[in-house]
Structures are given as structure tokens and as C-alpha cells.
Amino acid sequence: MPPPQPDMSEEAGSKDAFFIQLAEITEAMIAAHGRDFATGALVLSAKFVAEGRPLIKRANGGDETVSAEKPG
């Protein structure tokens, strides 16, 4: 008999919350700059994640955002 599966409801809820945030950001990008910009921004972000590159620079390793990383 296989071991019981862990309760995934907390993880699923967390993931759902992130998808909602992502949808809201995407809708805002579309409204401000159009579908092409939103698509490009999301694809570029996914590329950075896949490559393990940072998405933003942090000031002195703290929480304050200095600037977005530029493709290079």
C-alpha cells in the first residue's frame, strides 16, 4: 500500500494566489502598453527564471528594488 499523500491544499492555495497576482499584473501591462508588451515581458521573465538569472537588482542585498535586469 502506498504511503498517504501529504495535504496539498495549502500549497495549491498559495499557487492559486500567485496566479491571481500574475493575472492582475498581466492585465495591467496589457491596459498600459498592449498585448505585445505583456507577452514579451512574460516570455523574457520566463527565460530569466529558466536560466536562473536574477529578475531585479537589489540594493546592498536588501529588499529595496534598484532596477530591473536588462537582457544582455
N, C-alpha and C. Protein backbone atom coordinates (compact mmCIF):
# COMPACT_ATOMS: atom_id res chain seq x y z
N MET A 1 0.84 -1.18 0.00
CA MET A 1 0.00 0.00 0.00
C MET A 1 0.89 1.25 0.00
N PRO A 2 0.65 2.21 -0.92
CA PRO A 2 1.49 3.41 -0.98
C PRO A 2 1.25 4.31 0.22
N PRO A 3 2.28 5.08 0.59
CA PRO A 3 2.12 5.99 1.73
C PRO A 3 1.07 7.06 1.41
N PRO A 4 0.40 7.59 2.42
CA PRO A 4 -0.60 8.62 2.17
C PRO A 4 0.05 9.88 1.60
N GLN A 5 -0.66 10.54 0.71
CA GLN A 5 -0.14 11.77 0.09
C GLN A 5 -0.30 12.93 1.07
N PRO A 6 0.70 13.82 1.11
CA PRO A 6 0.59 14.98 2.01
C PRO A 6 -0.55 15.90 1.56
N ASP A 7 -1.07 16.66 2.51
CA ASP A 7 -2.14 17.61 2.21
C ASP A 7 -1.57 18.72 1.34
N MET A 8 -2.07 18.85 0.14
CA MET A 8 -1.56 19.84 -0.81
C MET A 8 -2.43 21.10 -0.85
N SER A 9 -3.45 21.17 0.00
CA SER A 9 -4.37 22.30 -0.08
C SER A 9 -3.67 23.64 0.21
N GLU A 10 -2.73 23.67 1.15
CA GLU A 10 -2.01 24.92 1.45
C GLU A 10 -1.15 25.33 0.26
N GLU A 11 -0.43 24.37 -0.33
CA GLU A 11 0.39 24.67 -1.49
C GLU A 11 -0.47 25.09 -2.68
N ALA A 12 -1.56 24.40 -2.90
CA ALA A 12 -2.45 24.74 -4.02
C ALA A 12 -3.03 26.14 -3.83
N GLY A 13 -3.39 26.48 -2.62
CA GLY A 13 -3.91 27.82 -2.34
C GLY A 13 -2.86 28.90 -2.59
N SER A 14 -1.63 28.62 -2.21
CA SER A 14 -0.53 29.56 -2.43
C SER A 14 -0.30 29.76 -3.93
N LYS A 15 -0.29 28.67 -4.67
CA LYS A 15 -0.09 28.76 -6.12
C LYS A 15 -1.24 29.53 -6.78
N ASP A 16 -2.46 29.27 -6.35
CA ASP A 16 -3.61 30.00 -6.89
C ASP A 16 -3.47 31.50 -6.65
N ALA A 17 -3.01 31.88 -5.46
CA ALA A 17 -2.83 33.29 -5.14
C ALA A 17 -1.80 33.94 -6.06
N PHE A 18 -0.71 33.22 -6.34
CA PHE A 18 0.30 33.75 -7.26
C PHE A 18 -0.24 33.88 -8.68
N PHE A 19 -1.05 32.92 -9.13
CA PHE A 19 -1.65 33.02 -10.45
C PHE A 19 -2.59 34.22 -10.54
N ILE A 20 -3.30 34.51 -9.47
CA ILE A 20 -4.18 35.68 -9.45
C ILE A 20 -3.34 36.95 -9.56
N GLN A 21 -2.24 37.03 -8.79
CA GLN A 21 -1.36 38.21 -8.87
C GLN A 21 -0.79 38.35 -10.27
N LEU A 22 -0.36 37.25 -10.85
CA LEU A 22 0.20 37.29 -12.20
C LEU A 22 -0.83 37.76 -13.21
N ALA A 23 -2.06 37.29 -13.08
CA ALA A 23 -3.14 37.71 -13.98
C ALA A 23 -3.40 39.20 -13.85
N GLU A 24 -3.42 39.71 -12.62
CA GLU A 24 -3.66 41.14 -12.40
C GLU A 24 -2.54 41.99 -13.00
N ILE A 25 -1.30 41.57 -12.81
CA ILE A 25 -0.16 42.29 -13.39
C ILE A 25 -0.23 42.26 -14.91
N THR A 26 -0.55 41.11 -15.47
CA THR A 26 -0.64 40.97 -16.91
C THR A 26 -1.73 41.86 -17.48
N GLU A 27 -2.89 41.88 -16.84
CA GLU A 27 -3.97 42.74 -17.30
C GLU A 27 -3.56 44.21 -17.25
N ALA A 28 -2.83 44.62 -16.22
CA ALA A 28 -2.35 46.00 -16.10
C ALA A 28 -1.35 46.32 -17.21
N MET A 29 -0.45 45.39 -17.52
CA MET A 29 0.51 45.61 -18.61
C MET A 29 -0.20 45.76 -19.94
N ILE A 30 -1.22 44.92 -20.19
CA ILE A 30 -1.97 45.00 -21.43
C ILE A 30 -2.68 46.34 -21.53
N ALA A 31 -3.32 46.75 -20.45
CA ALA A 31 -4.05 48.03 -20.46
C ALA A 31 -3.11 49.21 -20.71
N ALA A 32 -1.92 49.17 -20.13
CA ALA A 32 -0.99 50.29 -20.25
C ALA A 32 -0.18 50.29 -21.53
N HIS A 33 0.21 49.08 -22.01
CA HIS A 33 1.17 49.02 -23.11
C HIS A 33 0.82 48.03 -24.21
N GLY A 34 -0.27 47.30 -24.10
CA GLY A 34 -0.71 46.39 -25.15
C GLY A 34 -0.25 44.96 -24.95
N ARG A 35 -0.86 44.08 -25.75
CA ARG A 35 -0.60 42.64 -25.66
C ARG A 35 0.83 42.26 -26.03
N ASP A 36 1.40 42.93 -27.03
CA ASP A 36 2.77 42.58 -27.43
C ASP A 36 3.75 42.83 -26.29
N PHE A 37 3.61 43.96 -25.61
CA PHE A 37 4.49 44.24 -24.48
C PHE A 37 4.31 43.20 -23.38
N ALA A 38 3.05 42.91 -23.02
CA ALA A 38 2.79 41.96 -21.95
C ALA A 38 3.36 40.59 -22.30
N THR A 39 3.15 40.15 -23.53
CA THR A 39 3.67 38.85 -23.96
C THR A 39 5.20 38.83 -23.89
N GLY A 40 5.84 39.87 -24.39
CA GLY A 40 7.30 39.95 -24.36
C GLY A 40 7.85 39.96 -22.95
N ALA A 41 7.20 40.72 -22.08
CA ALA A 41 7.66 40.80 -20.69
C ALA A 41 7.54 39.45 -20.00
N LEU A 42 6.44 38.75 -20.22
CA LEU A 42 6.25 37.45 -19.58
C LEU A 42 7.21 36.40 -20.13
N VAL A 43 7.44 36.42 -21.45
CA VAL A 43 8.38 35.47 -22.05
C VAL A 43 9.80 35.74 -21.55
N LEU A 44 10.18 37.01 -21.51
CA LEU A 44 11.53 37.35 -21.03
C LEU A 44 11.69 36.95 -19.56
N SER A 45 10.67 37.19 -18.76
CA SER A 45 10.73 36.77 -17.35
C SER A 45 10.88 35.26 -17.23
N ALA A 46 10.12 34.52 -18.04
CA ALA A 46 10.22 33.06 -18.01
C ALA A 46 11.61 32.60 -18.42
N LYS A 47 12.21 33.27 -19.41
CA LYS A 47 13.56 32.93 -19.84
C LYS A 47 14.56 33.14 -18.71
N PHE A 48 14.45 34.27 -18.02
CA PHE A 48 15.35 34.55 -16.90
C PHE A 48 15.19 33.50 -15.81
N VAL A 49 13.97 33.12 -15.50
CA VAL A 49 13.73 32.11 -14.47
C VAL A 49 14.36 30.79 -14.90
N ALA A 50 14.14 30.39 -16.15
CA ALA A 50 14.68 29.12 -16.65
C ALA A 50 16.21 29.11 -16.61
N GLU A 51 16.83 30.26 -16.85
CA GLU A 51 18.29 30.35 -16.86
C GLU A 51 18.87 30.60 -15.47
N GLY A 52 18.01 30.83 -14.48
CA GLY A 52 18.48 31.09 -13.13
C GLY A 52 19.07 32.47 -12.96
N ARG A 53 18.70 33.40 -13.84
CA ARG A 53 19.20 34.78 -13.77
C ARG A 53 18.30 35.61 -12.86
N PRO A 54 18.85 36.61 -12.20
CA PRO A 54 18.01 37.46 -11.35
C PRO A 54 17.08 38.32 -12.21
N LEU A 55 15.88 38.56 -11.72
CA LEU A 55 14.92 39.39 -12.44
C LEU A 55 15.09 40.87 -12.10
N ILE A 56 15.57 41.16 -10.89
CA ILE A 56 15.82 42.53 -10.46
C ILE A 56 17.12 42.60 -9.68
N LYS A 57 17.70 43.79 -9.64
CA LYS A 57 18.88 44.03 -8.81
C LYS A 57 18.42 44.56 -7.48
N ARG A 58 19.06 44.14 -6.41
CA ARG A 58 18.73 44.62 -5.07
C ARG A 58 19.86 45.51 -4.56
N ALA A 59 19.51 46.58 -3.85
CA ALA A 59 20.50 47.48 -3.28
C ALA A 59 21.11 46.82 -2.06
N ASN A 60 22.41 46.59 -2.07
CA ASN A 60 23.14 46.04 -0.93
C ASN A 60 22.52 44.75 -0.40
N GLY A 61 21.88 43.98 -1.26
CA GLY A 61 21.29 42.72 -0.84
C GLY A 61 20.03 42.87 -0.01
N GLY A 62 19.52 44.10 0.12
CA GLY A 62 18.32 44.33 0.91
C GLY A 62 17.06 44.13 0.11
N ASP A 63 15.96 44.67 0.62
CA ASP A 63 14.66 44.49 -0.01
C ASP A 63 14.31 45.58 -1.00
N GLU A 64 15.08 46.67 -1.03
CA GLU A 64 14.74 47.78 -1.90
C GLU A 64 15.15 47.46 -3.34
N THR A 65 14.20 47.62 -4.27
CA THR A 65 14.47 47.36 -5.68
C THR A 65 15.23 48.53 -6.26
N VAL A 66 16.33 48.24 -6.95
CA VAL A 66 17.12 49.29 -7.60
C VAL A 66 16.67 49.44 -9.04
N SER A 67 16.69 48.35 -9.81
CA SER A 67 16.26 48.41 -11.20
C SER A 67 16.01 47.01 -11.72
N ALA A 68 15.30 46.94 -12.82
CA ALA A 68 15.06 45.65 -13.47
C ALA A 68 16.31 45.26 -14.25
N GLU A 69 16.57 43.97 -14.31
CA GLU A 69 17.68 43.47 -15.11
C GLU A 69 17.36 43.68 -16.58
N LYS A 70 18.34 43.99 -17.37
CA LYS A 70 18.17 44.14 -18.82
C LYS A 70 18.77 42.90 -19.48
N PRO A 71 18.12 42.43 -20.56
CA PRO A 71 18.70 41.28 -21.26
C PRO A 71 20.09 41.64 -21.77
N GLY A 72 20.97 40.68 -21.73
CA GLY A 72 22.32 41.04 -22.18
C GLY A 72 23.15 39.90 -22.60
